[in-house]
PDB file of N, CA and C in Angstrom:
ATOM      1  N   UNK A   1       0.844  -1.163   0.000  1.00  0.00           N
ATOM      2  CA  UNK A   1       0.000   0.000   0.000  1.00  0.00           C
ATOM      3  C   UNK A   1       0.895   1.234   0.000  1.00  0.00           C
ATOM      4  N   UNK A   2       0.482   2.218  -0.725  1.00  0.00           N
ATOM      5  CA  UNK A   2       1.172   3.500  -0.735  1.00  0.00           C
ATOM      6  C   UNK A   2       0.169   4.596  -0.454  1.00  0.00           C
ATOM      7  N   UNK A   3       0.621   5.646   0.194  1.00  0.00           N
ATOM      8  CA  UNK A   3      -0.239   6.802   0.422  1.00  0.00           C
ATOM      9  C   UNK A   3       0.523   8.066   0.051  1.00  0.00           C
ATOM     10  N   UNK A   4      -0.202   9.123  -0.148  1.00  0.00           N
ATOM     11  CA  UNK A   4       0.385  10.429  -0.392  1.00  0.00           C
ATOM     12  C   UNK A   4      -0.116  11.366   0.681  1.00  0.00           C
ATOM     13  N   UNK A   5       0.817  12.062   1.322  1.00  0.00           N
ATOM     14  CA  UNK A   5       0.464  13.033   2.351  1.00  0.00           C
ATOM     15  C   UNK A   5       0.715  14.440   1.839  1.00  0.00           C
ATOM     16  N   UNK A   6      -0.096  15.357   2.298  1.00  0.00           N
ATOM     17  CA  UNK A   6       0.183  16.762   2.025  1.00  0.00           C
ATOM     18  C   UNK A   6       1.519  17.085   2.680  1.00  0.00           C
ATOM     19  N   UNK A   7       2.279  17.986   2.083  1.00  0.00           N
ATOM     20  CA  UNK A   7       3.613  18.298   2.565  1.00  0.00           C
ATOM     21  C   UNK A   7       3.605  18.727   4.033  1.00  0.00           C
ATOM     22  N   UNK A   8       2.631  19.539   4.424  1.00  0.00           N
ATOM     23  CA  UNK A   8       2.550  20.004   5.810  1.00  0.00           C
ATOM     24  C   UNK A   8       2.373  18.830   6.780  1.00  0.00           C
ATOM     25  N   UNK A   9       1.524  17.877   6.422  1.00  0.00           N
ATOM     26  CA  UNK A   9       1.326  16.700   7.273  1.00  0.00           C
ATOM     27  C   UNK A   9       2.572  15.823   7.307  1.00  0.00           C
ATOM     28  N   UNK A  10       3.204  15.664   6.166  1.00  0.00           N
ATOM     29  CA  UNK A  10       4.432  14.861   6.106  1.00  0.00           C
ATOM     30  C   UNK A  10       5.498  15.452   7.013  1.00  0.00           C
ATOM     31  N   UNK A  11       5.670  16.758   6.948  1.00  0.00           N
ATOM     32  CA  UNK A  11       6.670  17.415   7.786  1.00  0.00           C
ATOM     33  C   UNK A  11       6.326  17.262   9.266  1.00  0.00           C
ATOM     34  N   UNK A  12       5.057  17.392   9.616  1.00  0.00           N
ATOM     35  CA  UNK A  12       4.647  17.251  11.008  1.00  0.00           C
ATOM     36  C   UNK A  12       4.892  15.828  11.511  1.00  0.00           C
ATOM     37  N   UNK A  13       4.485  14.831  10.726  1.00  0.00           N
ATOM     38  CA  UNK A  13       4.682  13.441  11.144  1.00  0.00           C
ATOM     39  C   UNK A  13       6.176  13.136  11.279  1.00  0.00           C
ATOM     40  N   UNK A  14       6.970  13.618  10.353  1.00  0.00           N
ATOM     41  CA  UNK A  14       8.415  13.411  10.430  1.00  0.00           C
ATOM     42  C   UNK A  14       8.974  13.997  11.722  1.00  0.00           C
ATOM     43  N   UNK A  15       8.523  15.195  12.083  1.00  0.00           N
ATOM     44  CA  UNK A  15       8.966  15.839  13.322  1.00  0.00           C
ATOM     45  C   UNK A  15       8.550  15.019  14.538  1.00  0.00           C
ATOM     46  N   UNK A  16       7.324  14.486  14.520  1.00  0.00           N
ATOM     47  CA  UNK A  16       6.829  13.683  15.641  1.00  0.00           C
ATOM     48  C   UNK A  16       7.566  12.353  15.762  1.00  0.00           C
ATOM     49  N   UNK A  17       7.958  11.776  14.640  1.00  0.00           N
ATOM     50  CA  UNK A  17       8.755  10.543  14.670  1.00  0.00           C
ATOM     51  C   UNK A  17      10.120  10.832  15.282  1.00  0.00           C
ATOM     52  N   UNK A  18      10.735  11.936  14.884  1.00  0.00           N
ATOM     53  CA  UNK A  18      12.038  12.308  15.444  1.00  0.00           C
ATOM     54  C   UNK A  18      11.945  12.583  16.941  1.00  0.00           C
ATOM     55  N   UNK A  19      10.790  13.092  17.392  1.00  0.00           N
ATOM     56  CA  UNK A  19      10.566  13.366  18.812  1.00  0.00           C
ATOM     57  C   UNK A  19      10.140  12.099  19.566  1.00  0.00           C
ATOM     58  N   UNK A  20      10.066  10.974  18.860  1.00  0.00           N
ATOM     59  CA  UNK A  20       9.727   9.659  19.411  1.00  0.00           C
ATOM     60  C   UNK A  20       8.273   9.533  19.860  1.00  0.00           C
ATOM     61  N   UNK A  21       7.395  10.382  19.341  1.00  0.00           N
ATOM     62  CA  UNK A  21       5.967  10.212  19.624  1.00  0.00           C
ATOM     63  C   UNK A  21       5.436   8.991  18.885  1.00  0.00           C
ATOM     64  N   UNK A  22       5.900   8.804  17.660  1.00  0.00           N
ATOM     65  CA  UNK A  22       5.532   7.650  16.845  1.00  0.00           C
ATOM     66  C   UNK A  22       6.802   6.914  16.443  1.00  0.00           C
ATOM     67  N   UNK A  23       6.685   5.603  16.302  1.00  0.00           N
ATOM     68  CA  UNK A  23       7.845   4.808  15.921  1.00  0.00           C
ATOM     69  C   UNK A  23       8.105   4.793  14.429  1.00  0.00           C
ATOM     70  N   UNK A  24       7.074   5.096  13.655  1.00  0.00           N
ATOM     71  CA  UNK A  24       7.202   5.055  12.194  1.00  0.00           C
ATOM     72  C   UNK A  24       6.018   5.773  11.572  1.00  0.00           C
ATOM     73  N   UNK A  25       6.081   5.938  10.258  1.00  0.00           N
ATOM     74  CA  UNK A  25       4.947   6.539   9.549  1.00  0.00           C
ATOM     75  C   UNK A  25       3.720   5.642   9.669  1.00  0.00           C
ATOM     76  N   UNK A  26       3.931   4.331   9.589  1.00  0.00           N
ATOM     77  CA  UNK A  26       2.807   3.397   9.726  1.00  0.00           C
ATOM     78  C   UNK A  26       2.152   3.531  11.095  1.00  0.00           C
ATOM     79  N   UNK A  27       2.960   3.661  12.128  1.00  0.00           N
ATOM     80  CA  UNK A  27       2.428   3.828  13.483  1.00  0.00           C
ATOM     81  C   UNK A  27       1.583   5.095  13.572  1.00  0.00           C
ATOM     82  N   UNK A  28       2.090   6.189  13.025  1.00  0.00           N
ATOM     83  CA  UNK A  28       1.366   7.465  13.064  1.00  0.00           C
ATOM     84  C   UNK A  28       0.037   7.374  12.315  1.00  0.00           C
ATOM     85  N   UNK A  29       0.053   6.753  11.160  1.00  0.00           N
ATOM     86  CA  UNK A  29      -1.162   6.651  10.350  1.00  0.00           C
ATOM     87  C   UNK A  29      -2.172   5.730  11.013  1.00  0.00           C
ATOM     88  N   UNK A  30      -1.719   4.602  11.543  1.00  0.00           N
ATOM     89  CA  UNK A  30      -2.627   3.706  12.262  1.00  0.00           C
ATOM     90  C   UNK A  30      -3.249   4.410  13.463  1.00  0.00           C
ATOM     91  N   UNK A  31      -2.456   5.144  14.215  1.00  0.00           N
ATOM     92  CA  UNK A  31      -2.952   5.884  15.373  1.00  0.00           C
ATOM     93  C   UNK A  31      -4.033   6.883  14.939  1.00  0.00           C
ATOM     94  N   UNK A  32      -3.741   7.655  13.898  1.00  0.00           N
ATOM     95  CA  UNK A  32      -4.686   8.672  13.431  1.00  0.00           C
ATOM     96  C   UNK A  32      -5.994   8.047  12.956  1.00  0.00           C
ATOM     97  N   UNK A  33      -5.900   6.959  12.226  1.00  0.00           N
ATOM     98  CA  UNK A  33      -7.111   6.312  11.724  1.00  0.00           C
ATOM     99  C   UNK A  33      -7.931   5.701  12.855  1.00  0.00           C
ATOM    100  N   UNK A  34      -7.273   5.149  13.859  1.00  0.00           N
ATOM    101  CA  UNK A  34      -7.999   4.606  15.016  1.00  0.00           C
ATOM    102  C   UNK A  34      -8.729   5.722  15.758  1.00  0.00           C
ATOM    103  N   UNK A  35      -8.082   6.875  15.895  1.00  0.00           N
ATOM    104  CA  UNK A  35      -8.726   8.013  16.558  1.00  0.00           C
ATOM    105  C   UNK A  35      -9.964   8.463  15.775  1.00  0.00           C
ATOM    106  N   UNK A  36      -9.824   8.564  14.469  1.00  0.00           N
ATOM    107  CA  UNK A  36     -10.941   8.966  13.609  1.00  0.00           C
ATOM    108  C   UNK A  36     -12.068   7.954  13.681  1.00  0.00           C
ATOM    109  N   UNK A  37     -11.737   6.676  13.669  1.00  0.00           N
ATOM    110  CA  UNK A  37     -12.747   5.621  13.753  1.00  0.00           C
ATOM    111  C   UNK A  37     -13.488   5.709  15.092  1.00  0.00           C
ATOM    112  N   UNK A  38     -12.750   5.879  16.184  1.00  0.00           N
ATOM    113  CA  UNK A  38     -13.381   6.002  17.503  1.00  0.00           C
ATOM    114  C   UNK A  38     -14.308   7.203  17.581  1.00  0.00           C
ATOM    115  N   UNK A  39     -13.896   8.326  17.030  1.00  0.00           N
ATOM    116  CA  UNK A  39     -14.736   9.522  17.026  1.00  0.00           C
ATOM    117  C   UNK A  39     -16.015   9.307  16.217  1.00  0.00           C
ATOM    118  N   UNK A  40     -15.887   8.653  15.066  1.00  0.00           N
ATOM    119  CA  UNK A  40     -17.062   8.473  14.221  1.00  0.00           C
ATOM    120  C   UNK A  40     -18.026   7.456  14.818  1.00  0.00           C
ATOM    121  N   UNK A  41     -17.506   6.503  15.603  1.00  0.00           N
ATOM    122  CA  UNK A  41     -18.393   5.508  16.244  1.00  0.00           C
ATOM    123  C   UNK A  41     -19.146   6.096  17.429  1.00  0.00           C
ATOM    124  N   UNK A  42     -18.635   7.179  18.003  1.00  0.00           N
ATOM    125  CA  UNK A  42     -19.307   7.836  19.126  1.00  0.00           C
ATOM    126  C   UNK A  42     -20.560   8.578  18.668  1.00  0.00           C
ATOM    127  N   UNK A  43     -20.570   8.982  17.419  1.00  0.00           N
ATOM    128  CA  UNK A  43     -21.690   9.777  16.875  1.00  0.00           C
ATOM    129  C   UNK A  43     -22.924   8.952  16.661  1.00  0.00           C
TER     130      UNK A  43
END
């Protein structure tokens, strides 16, 4: 699977990975999608 991120999001995720918030791009994307899924299920 491949994805394309807007440059601003790519730069932010890269910064967060360097700060050790996420272990990888896959980790960051999985985290974000789980958050979105949880929010949409609450509605």
